[in-house]
Amino acid sequence: MLVIDVKLLPNGEGLPLPARATPGSAGFDLRAAAEVTIPSGEWRVVPTGLALAIPVGWEGQVRPRSGLAVKHGITVLNGPGTIDADYRGEILVPLVNHGREPFMLTRGERIAQIVFAPVPQVELREVDELSAAHRGDRGFGSTGRS
């Protein structure tokens, strides 16, 4: 089992640690550490009041919560966002409001989820030619519709 150290920051005092909503949940809920209003069509960076020590070889993927997205048009601006193993600062979540009305977050509200995933060690190598593939260099829309 992977163990990740979590530090509650002063603005996160009194908030619960991230947790899975159910035993089968992939993500741990992140909560707002401040009250924030996001006007329609705009975004705000929302503090969570916590910092993580993610081990080397892993990343944290910050993803939207489906309920906020479907009910209010609130999503993670760069979702999924990556929290690197060597970052030790506060986890901040950039949320965007695609809805028609301003959205008000209350402190402690679940705003996103974080999923921890392994990151393979990869080396990039420059070559003059790439190996052949069925698709070749055909891009956007080249595989047709399903």
N, C-alpha and C. Protein backbone atom coordinates (compact mmCIF):
# COMPACT_ATOMS: atom_id res chain seq x y z
N MET A 1 0.84 -1.18 0.00
CA MET A 1 0.00 0.00 0.00
C MET A 1 0.89 1.24 0.00
N LEU A 2 0.53 2.20 -0.83
CA LEU A 2 1.23 3.48 -0.89
C LEU A 2 0.78 4.35 0.28
N VAL A 3 1.74 4.94 0.98
CA VAL A 3 1.44 5.85 2.08
C VAL A 3 1.97 7.23 1.69
N ILE A 4 1.11 8.24 1.80
CA ILE A 4 1.49 9.61 1.44
C ILE A 4 1.32 10.49 2.67
N ASP A 5 2.39 11.19 3.02
CA ASP A 5 2.33 12.12 4.15
C ASP A 5 1.56 13.37 3.74
N VAL A 6 0.68 13.82 4.64
CA VAL A 6 -0.16 15.00 4.41
C VAL A 6 0.11 16.01 5.52
N LYS A 7 0.37 17.26 5.13
CA LYS A 7 0.57 18.33 6.11
C LYS A 7 -0.61 19.29 6.01
N LEU A 8 -1.33 19.46 7.14
CA LEU A 8 -2.38 20.47 7.18
C LEU A 8 -1.74 21.83 7.41
N LEU A 9 -2.05 22.77 6.56
CA LEU A 9 -1.52 24.12 6.68
C LEU A 9 -2.46 24.95 7.56
N PRO A 10 -2.03 26.11 8.02
CA PRO A 10 -2.89 26.91 8.90
C PRO A 10 -4.29 27.16 8.34
N ASN A 11 -4.41 27.41 7.02
CA ASN A 11 -5.74 27.66 6.45
C ASN A 11 -6.57 26.38 6.30
N GLY A 12 -5.95 25.22 6.51
CA GLY A 12 -6.66 23.95 6.45
C GLY A 12 -7.06 23.41 7.81
N GLU A 13 -6.71 24.16 8.86
CA GLU A 13 -7.02 23.71 10.22
C GLU A 13 -8.52 23.46 10.37
N GLY A 14 -8.85 22.30 10.93
CA GLY A 14 -10.24 21.94 11.15
C GLY A 14 -10.89 21.19 10.00
N LEU A 15 -10.24 21.16 8.85
CA LEU A 15 -10.78 20.41 7.72
C LEU A 15 -10.33 18.95 7.81
N PRO A 16 -11.16 18.01 7.34
CA PRO A 16 -10.73 16.61 7.36
C PRO A 16 -9.67 16.36 6.29
N LEU A 17 -8.86 15.34 6.51
CA LEU A 17 -7.91 14.93 5.48
C LEU A 17 -8.68 14.44 4.26
N PRO A 18 -8.06 14.52 3.08
CA PRO A 18 -8.73 13.96 1.90
C PRO A 18 -9.08 12.49 2.16
N ALA A 19 -10.25 12.09 1.68
CA ALA A 19 -10.72 10.73 1.90
C ALA A 19 -11.53 10.28 0.70
N ARG A 20 -11.62 8.97 0.54
CA ARG A 20 -12.49 8.39 -0.48
C ARG A 20 -13.93 8.44 0.03
N ALA A 21 -14.87 8.76 -0.86
CA ALA A 21 -16.28 8.83 -0.48
C ALA A 21 -16.84 7.45 -0.19
N THR A 22 -16.36 6.44 -0.93
CA THR A 22 -16.78 5.06 -0.72
C THR A 22 -15.55 4.17 -0.83
N PRO A 23 -15.62 2.94 -0.33
CA PRO A 23 -14.46 2.05 -0.43
C PRO A 23 -14.00 1.79 -1.87
N GLY A 24 -14.90 1.89 -2.84
CA GLY A 24 -14.54 1.66 -4.23
C GLY A 24 -14.12 2.90 -4.99
N SER A 25 -14.12 4.04 -4.35
CA SER A 25 -13.74 5.29 -5.03
C SER A 25 -12.26 5.30 -5.39
N ALA A 26 -11.95 5.78 -6.58
CA ALA A 26 -10.56 5.90 -7.01
C ALA A 26 -9.90 7.14 -6.43
N GLY A 27 -10.68 8.22 -6.30
CA GLY A 27 -10.12 9.49 -5.88
C GLY A 27 -10.41 9.84 -4.44
N PHE A 28 -9.57 10.71 -3.91
CA PHE A 28 -9.72 11.27 -2.56
C PHE A 28 -10.26 12.68 -2.73
N ASP A 29 -11.32 13.02 -2.02
CA ASP A 29 -11.93 14.33 -2.16
C ASP A 29 -11.05 15.42 -1.58
N LEU A 30 -10.88 16.50 -2.35
CA LEU A 30 -10.18 17.70 -1.90
C LEU A 30 -11.24 18.73 -1.54
N ARG A 31 -10.99 19.50 -0.49
CA ARG A 31 -11.96 20.48 -0.01
C ARG A 31 -11.41 21.90 -0.10
N ALA A 32 -12.31 22.85 -0.24
CA ALA A 32 -11.94 24.26 -0.26
C ALA A 32 -11.54 24.71 1.14
N ALA A 33 -10.43 25.42 1.23
CA ALA A 33 -9.98 25.95 2.52
C ALA A 33 -10.38 27.41 2.68
N ALA A 34 -11.22 27.90 1.79
CA ALA A 34 -11.69 29.30 1.86
C ALA A 34 -13.02 29.39 1.14
N GLU A 35 -13.77 30.44 1.47
CA GLU A 35 -14.98 30.73 0.71
C GLU A 35 -14.56 31.46 -0.55
N VAL A 36 -15.06 31.01 -1.68
CA VAL A 36 -14.66 31.57 -2.98
C VAL A 36 -15.90 31.66 -3.86
N THR A 37 -16.07 32.80 -4.53
CA THR A 37 -17.12 32.95 -5.52
C THR A 37 -16.47 32.96 -6.90
N ILE A 38 -17.02 32.13 -7.80
CA ILE A 38 -16.50 32.05 -9.16
C ILE A 38 -17.59 32.59 -10.09
N PRO A 39 -17.38 33.79 -10.65
CA PRO A 39 -18.37 34.34 -11.57
C PRO A 39 -18.51 33.47 -12.82
N SER A 40 -19.65 33.53 -13.46
CA SER A 40 -19.88 32.80 -14.70
C SER A 40 -18.82 33.17 -15.74
N GLY A 41 -18.25 32.15 -16.37
CA GLY A 41 -17.24 32.38 -17.41
C GLY A 41 -15.85 32.68 -16.89
N GLU A 42 -15.65 32.66 -15.58
CA GLU A 42 -14.33 32.97 -15.02
C GLU A 42 -13.80 31.80 -14.21
N TRP A 43 -12.58 31.94 -13.74
CA TRP A 43 -11.95 30.90 -12.91
C TRP A 43 -11.29 31.52 -11.70
N ARG A 44 -11.10 30.68 -10.71
CA ARG A 44 -10.42 31.08 -9.49
C ARG A 44 -9.54 29.92 -9.03
N VAL A 45 -8.42 30.25 -8.41
CA VAL A 45 -7.56 29.24 -7.82
C VAL A 45 -8.00 29.07 -6.37
N VAL A 46 -8.40 27.86 -6.02
CA VAL A 46 -8.98 27.58 -4.71
C VAL A 46 -7.97 26.82 -3.85
N PRO A 47 -7.64 27.36 -2.68
CA PRO A 47 -6.70 26.67 -1.78
C PRO A 47 -7.37 25.48 -1.10
N THR A 48 -6.56 24.46 -0.79
CA THR A 48 -7.08 23.28 -0.08
C THR A 48 -6.59 23.20 1.36
N GLY A 49 -5.58 24.00 1.71
CA GLY A 49 -5.08 23.97 3.07
C GLY A 49 -4.24 22.75 3.39
N LEU A 50 -3.71 22.10 2.36
CA LEU A 50 -2.85 20.94 2.63
C LEU A 50 -1.73 20.84 1.62
N ALA A 51 -0.67 20.17 2.05
CA ALA A 51 0.48 19.87 1.20
C ALA A 51 0.73 18.37 1.32
N LEU A 52 1.28 17.79 0.24
CA LEU A 52 1.52 16.35 0.19
C LEU A 52 2.98 16.05 -0.09
N ALA A 53 3.44 14.90 0.38
CA ALA A 53 4.76 14.38 0.03
C ALA A 53 4.54 13.13 -0.80
N ILE A 54 4.32 13.33 -2.09
CA ILE A 54 4.08 12.21 -3.00
C ILE A 54 5.43 11.56 -3.31
N PRO A 55 5.53 10.24 -3.18
CA PRO A 55 6.82 9.57 -3.43
C PRO A 55 7.25 9.67 -4.90
N VAL A 56 8.55 9.66 -5.12
CA VAL A 56 9.11 9.61 -6.47
C VAL A 56 8.56 8.38 -7.17
N GLY A 57 8.21 8.52 -8.42
CA GLY A 57 7.62 7.42 -9.18
C GLY A 57 6.10 7.46 -9.17
N TRP A 58 5.52 8.49 -8.51
CA TRP A 58 4.07 8.65 -8.43
C TRP A 58 3.71 10.09 -8.75
N GLU A 59 2.46 10.33 -9.08
CA GLU A 59 1.92 11.67 -9.27
C GLU A 59 0.54 11.72 -8.67
N GLY A 60 0.07 12.93 -8.37
CA GLY A 60 -1.31 13.14 -7.98
C GLY A 60 -2.02 13.80 -9.14
N GLN A 61 -3.13 13.22 -9.58
CA GLN A 61 -3.91 13.78 -10.67
C GLN A 61 -5.16 14.44 -10.08
N VAL A 62 -5.25 15.77 -10.22
CA VAL A 62 -6.40 16.51 -9.70
C VAL A 62 -7.47 16.53 -10.79
N ARG A 63 -8.62 15.99 -10.43
CA ARG A 63 -9.71 15.82 -11.40
C ARG A 63 -10.99 16.49 -10.91
N PRO A 64 -11.88 16.82 -11.86
CA PRO A 64 -13.16 17.41 -11.47
C PRO A 64 -14.03 16.43 -10.69
N ARG A 65 -14.97 16.97 -9.96
CA ARG A 65 -16.03 16.17 -9.34
C ARG A 65 -17.22 16.21 -10.29
N SER A 66 -17.72 15.05 -10.64
CA SER A 66 -18.79 14.98 -11.64
C SER A 66 -20.04 15.73 -11.20
N GLY A 67 -20.38 15.70 -9.92
CA GLY A 67 -21.57 16.39 -9.44
C GLY A 67 -21.49 17.89 -9.66
N LEU A 68 -20.34 18.49 -9.36
CA LEU A 68 -20.18 19.94 -9.59
C LEU A 68 -20.24 20.26 -11.08
N ALA A 69 -19.67 19.39 -11.89
CA ALA A 69 -19.65 19.63 -13.34
C ALA A 69 -21.06 19.56 -13.92
N VAL A 70 -21.79 18.51 -13.59
CA VAL A 70 -23.11 18.31 -14.18
C VAL A 70 -24.15 19.28 -13.62
N LYS A 71 -24.11 19.52 -12.32
CA LYS A 71 -25.14 20.38 -11.70
C LYS A 71 -24.88 21.87 -11.86
N HIS A 72 -23.58 22.26 -11.90
CA HIS A 72 -23.26 23.68 -11.86
C HIS A 72 -22.28 24.17 -12.95
N GLY A 73 -21.73 23.25 -13.75
CA GLY A 73 -20.76 23.66 -14.77
C GLY A 73 -19.40 23.99 -14.21
N ILE A 74 -19.09 23.50 -13.01
CA ILE A 74 -17.80 23.78 -12.37
C ILE A 74 -16.85 22.62 -12.65
N THR A 75 -15.68 22.93 -13.17
CA THR A 75 -14.71 21.88 -13.49
C THR A 75 -13.29 22.38 -13.22
N VAL A 76 -12.34 21.47 -13.23
CA VAL A 76 -10.94 21.82 -13.04
C VAL A 76 -10.43 22.39 -14.36
N LEU A 77 -9.85 23.57 -14.31
CA LEU A 77 -9.44 24.30 -15.51
C LEU A 77 -8.44 23.51 -16.35
N ASN A 78 -7.47 22.88 -15.74
CA ASN A 78 -6.46 22.14 -16.49
C ASN A 78 -6.57 20.64 -16.22
N GLY A 79 -7.81 20.17 -16.03
CA GLY A 79 -8.03 18.79 -15.59
C GLY A 79 -7.68 17.75 -16.63
N PRO A 80 -7.01 16.70 -16.24
CA PRO A 80 -6.47 16.57 -14.89
C PRO A 80 -5.17 17.35 -14.74
N GLY A 81 -5.03 17.97 -13.60
CA GLY A 81 -3.79 18.67 -13.27
C GLY A 81 -2.86 17.69 -12.57
N THR A 82 -1.58 17.86 -12.78
CA THR A 82 -0.59 16.97 -12.18
C THR A 82 0.09 17.62 -10.99
N ILE A 83 0.14 16.89 -9.88
CA ILE A 83 0.95 17.29 -8.73
C ILE A 83 2.18 16.38 -8.77
N ASP A 84 3.33 16.97 -9.01
CA ASP A 84 4.58 16.21 -9.14
C ASP A 84 5.11 15.75 -7.78
N ALA A 85 5.90 14.70 -7.83
CA ALA A 85 6.46 14.12 -6.61
C ALA A 85 7.39 15.08 -5.88
N ASP A 86 7.98 16.02 -6.57
CA ASP A 86 8.93 16.93 -5.91
C ASP A 86 8.30 18.26 -5.49
N TYR A 87 6.97 18.36 -5.54
CA TYR A 87 6.28 19.58 -5.11
C TYR A 87 5.83 19.41 -3.67
N ARG A 88 6.12 20.40 -2.84
CA ARG A 88 5.74 20.33 -1.43
C ARG A 88 4.89 21.52 -0.97
N GLY A 89 4.44 22.33 -1.91
CA GLY A 89 3.62 23.48 -1.56
C GLY A 89 2.15 23.10 -1.41
N GLU A 90 1.34 24.11 -1.12
CA GLU A 90 -0.09 23.90 -0.95
C GLU A 90 -0.72 23.41 -2.26
N ILE A 91 -1.61 22.44 -2.13
CA ILE A 91 -2.38 21.99 -3.29
C ILE A 91 -3.43 23.05 -3.59
N LEU A 92 -3.35 23.62 -4.78
CA LEU A 92 -4.27 24.65 -5.23
C LEU A 92 -5.04 24.09 -6.42
N VAL A 93 -6.34 24.36 -6.48
CA VAL A 93 -7.17 23.81 -7.54
C VAL A 93 -7.76 24.94 -8.37
N PRO A 94 -7.38 25.05 -9.66
CA PRO A 94 -7.97 26.07 -10.52
C PRO A 94 -9.33 25.59 -11.02
N LEU A 95 -10.39 26.23 -10.55
CA LEU A 95 -11.75 25.86 -10.96
C LEU A 95 -12.29 26.91 -11.91
N VAL A 96 -13.02 26.45 -12.92
CA VAL A 96 -13.66 27.35 -13.89
C VAL A 96 -15.17 27.13 -13.84
N ASN A 97 -15.90 28.22 -14.00
CA ASN A 97 -17.36 28.18 -13.96
C ASN A 97 -17.89 28.31 -15.39
N HIS A 98 -18.33 27.18 -15.95
CA HIS A 98 -18.95 27.18 -17.27
C HIS A 98 -20.46 27.39 -17.17
N GLY A 99 -20.96 27.54 -15.97
CA GLY A 99 -22.40 27.75 -15.76
C GLY A 99 -22.82 29.17 -16.07
N ARG A 100 -24.12 29.43 -15.95
CA ARG A 100 -24.68 30.74 -16.28
C ARG A 100 -24.74 31.68 -15.08
N GLU A 101 -24.57 31.13 -13.89
CA GLU A 101 -24.68 31.93 -12.66
C GLU A 101 -23.36 31.89 -11.89
N PRO A 102 -23.10 32.91 -11.07
CA PRO A 102 -21.94 32.83 -10.18
C PRO A 102 -22.09 31.61 -9.27
N PHE A 103 -20.98 31.00 -8.91
CA PHE A 103 -21.03 29.83 -8.02
C PHE A 103 -20.24 30.16 -6.76
N MET A 104 -20.87 29.94 -5.62
CA MET A 104 -20.24 30.24 -4.34
C MET A 104 -19.83 28.94 -3.65
N LEU A 105 -18.53 28.83 -3.38
CA LEU A 105 -17.99 27.69 -2.64
C LEU A 105 -17.91 28.05 -1.18
N THR A 106 -18.28 27.12 -0.32
CA THR A 106 -18.11 27.34 1.11
C THR A 106 -16.86 26.60 1.57
N ARG A 107 -16.27 27.08 2.64
CA ARG A 107 -15.09 26.42 3.21
C ARG A 107 -15.48 25.01 3.63
N GLY A 108 -14.67 24.04 3.26
CA GLY A 108 -14.94 22.65 3.59
C GLY A 108 -15.69 21.89 2.51
N GLU A 109 -16.20 22.60 1.50
CA GLU A 109 -16.92 21.95 0.41
C GLU A 109 -15.96 21.12 -0.45
N ARG A 110 -16.42 19.95 -0.89
CA ARG A 110 -15.61 19.11 -1.77
C ARG A 110 -15.58 19.75 -3.15
N ILE A 111 -14.35 20.02 -3.66
CA ILE A 111 -14.22 20.77 -4.90
C ILE A 111 -13.59 19.99 -6.04
N ALA A 112 -12.84 18.95 -5.73
CA ALA A 112 -12.14 18.17 -6.75
C ALA A 112 -11.75 16.85 -6.10
N GLN A 113 -11.12 16.00 -6.87
CA GLN A 113 -10.59 14.76 -6.30
C GLN A 113 -9.18 14.57 -6.80
N ILE A 114 -8.40 13.85 -6.02
CA ILE A 114 -7.04 13.54 -6.41
C ILE A 114 -6.89 12.03 -6.48
N VAL A 115 -6.34 11.58 -7.60
CA VAL A 115 -6.07 10.17 -7.84
C VAL A 115 -4.56 10.02 -7.92
N PHE A 116 -4.02 9.05 -7.24
CA PHE A 116 -2.58 8.81 -7.25
C PHE A 116 -2.26 7.73 -8.27
N ALA A 117 -1.29 8.00 -9.14
CA ALA A 117 -0.97 7.07 -10.22
C ALA A 117 0.54 6.92 -10.36
N PRO A 118 0.98 5.71 -10.72
CA PRO A 118 2.41 5.51 -10.95
C PRO A 118 2.87 6.23 -12.21
N VAL A 119 4.10 6.68 -12.20
CA VAL A 119 4.70 7.35 -13.35
C VAL A 119 5.91 6.54 -13.77
N PRO A 120 5.85 5.91 -14.94
CA PRO A 120 7.00 5.09 -15.37
C PRO A 120 8.21 5.97 -15.66
N GLN A 121 9.38 5.43 -15.43
CA GLN A 121 10.61 6.12 -15.77
C GLN A 121 10.83 5.94 -17.27
N VAL A 122 10.95 7.05 -17.98
CA VAL A 122 11.02 7.04 -19.44
C VAL A 122 12.22 7.85 -19.88
N GLU A 123 12.86 7.39 -20.94
CA GLU A 123 13.95 8.14 -21.55
C GLU A 123 13.56 8.43 -22.99
N LEU A 124 13.69 9.68 -23.42
CA LEU A 124 13.42 10.04 -24.80
C LEU A 124 14.72 9.96 -25.60
N ARG A 125 14.59 9.44 -26.82
CA ARG A 125 15.77 9.24 -27.67
C ARG A 125 15.48 9.86 -29.03
N GLU A 126 16.35 10.73 -29.50
CA GLU A 126 16.18 11.34 -30.82
C GLU A 126 16.61 10.36 -31.90
N VAL A 127 15.76 10.26 -32.96
CA VAL A 127 16.07 9.40 -34.09
C VAL A 127 15.80 10.17 -35.38
N ASP A 128 16.32 9.68 -36.48
CA ASP A 128 16.07 10.31 -37.78
C ASP A 128 14.74 9.87 -38.37
N GLU A 129 14.33 8.64 -38.10
CA GLU A 129 13.08 8.09 -38.62
C GLU A 129 12.37 7.32 -37.51
N LEU A 130 11.03 7.33 -37.54
CA LEU A 130 10.23 6.56 -36.59
C LEU A 130 9.83 5.24 -37.24
N SER A 131 9.57 4.25 -36.42
CA SER A 131 9.10 2.97 -36.94
C SER A 131 7.73 3.16 -37.59
N ALA A 132 7.39 2.29 -38.52
CA ALA A 132 6.12 2.38 -39.24
C ALA A 132 4.97 1.99 -38.30
N ALA A 133 3.79 2.61 -38.54
CA ALA A 133 2.58 2.27 -37.80
C ALA A 133 1.40 2.35 -38.75
N HIS A 134 0.35 1.61 -38.49
CA HIS A 134 -0.82 1.56 -39.37
C HIS A 134 -1.40 2.96 -39.62
N ARG A 135 -1.51 3.77 -38.59
CA ARG A 135 -2.12 5.10 -38.71
C ARG A 135 -1.17 6.10 -39.34
N GLY A 136 0.11 5.91 -39.15
CA GLY A 136 1.09 6.84 -39.73
C GLY A 136 1.00 8.22 -39.10
N ASP A 137 1.03 9.26 -39.93
CA ASP A 137 1.00 10.62 -39.41
C ASP A 137 -0.36 11.28 -39.59
N ARG A 138 -1.40 10.48 -39.86
CA ARG A 138 -2.74 11.05 -39.98
C ARG A 138 -3.23 11.45 -38.61
N GLY A 139 -3.72 12.67 -38.46
CA GLY A 139 -4.05 13.25 -37.17
C GLY A 139 -5.52 13.28 -36.84
N PHE A 140 -5.98 14.43 -36.33
CA PHE A 140 -7.32 14.62 -35.80
C PHE A 140 -8.40 14.04 -36.72
N GLY A 141 -9.23 13.16 -36.17
CA GLY A 141 -10.36 12.61 -36.89
C GLY A 141 -10.01 11.53 -37.90
N SER A 142 -8.75 11.13 -37.97
CA SER A 142 -8.33 10.19 -39.00
C SER A 142 -8.78 8.76 -38.75
N THR A 143 -9.23 8.44 -37.55
CA THR A 143 -9.67 7.08 -37.29
C THR A 143 -11.17 6.92 -37.51
N GLY A 144 -11.85 7.97 -37.91
CA GLY A 144 -13.28 7.88 -38.19
C GLY A 144 -14.14 7.98 -36.97
N ARG A 145 -15.43 7.76 -37.18
CA ARG A 145 -16.41 7.84 -36.08
C ARG A 145 -16.77 6.45 -35.60
N SER A 146 -17.09 6.38 -34.31
CA SER A 146 -17.51 5.08 -33.80
C SER A 146 -18.99 5.05 -33.60
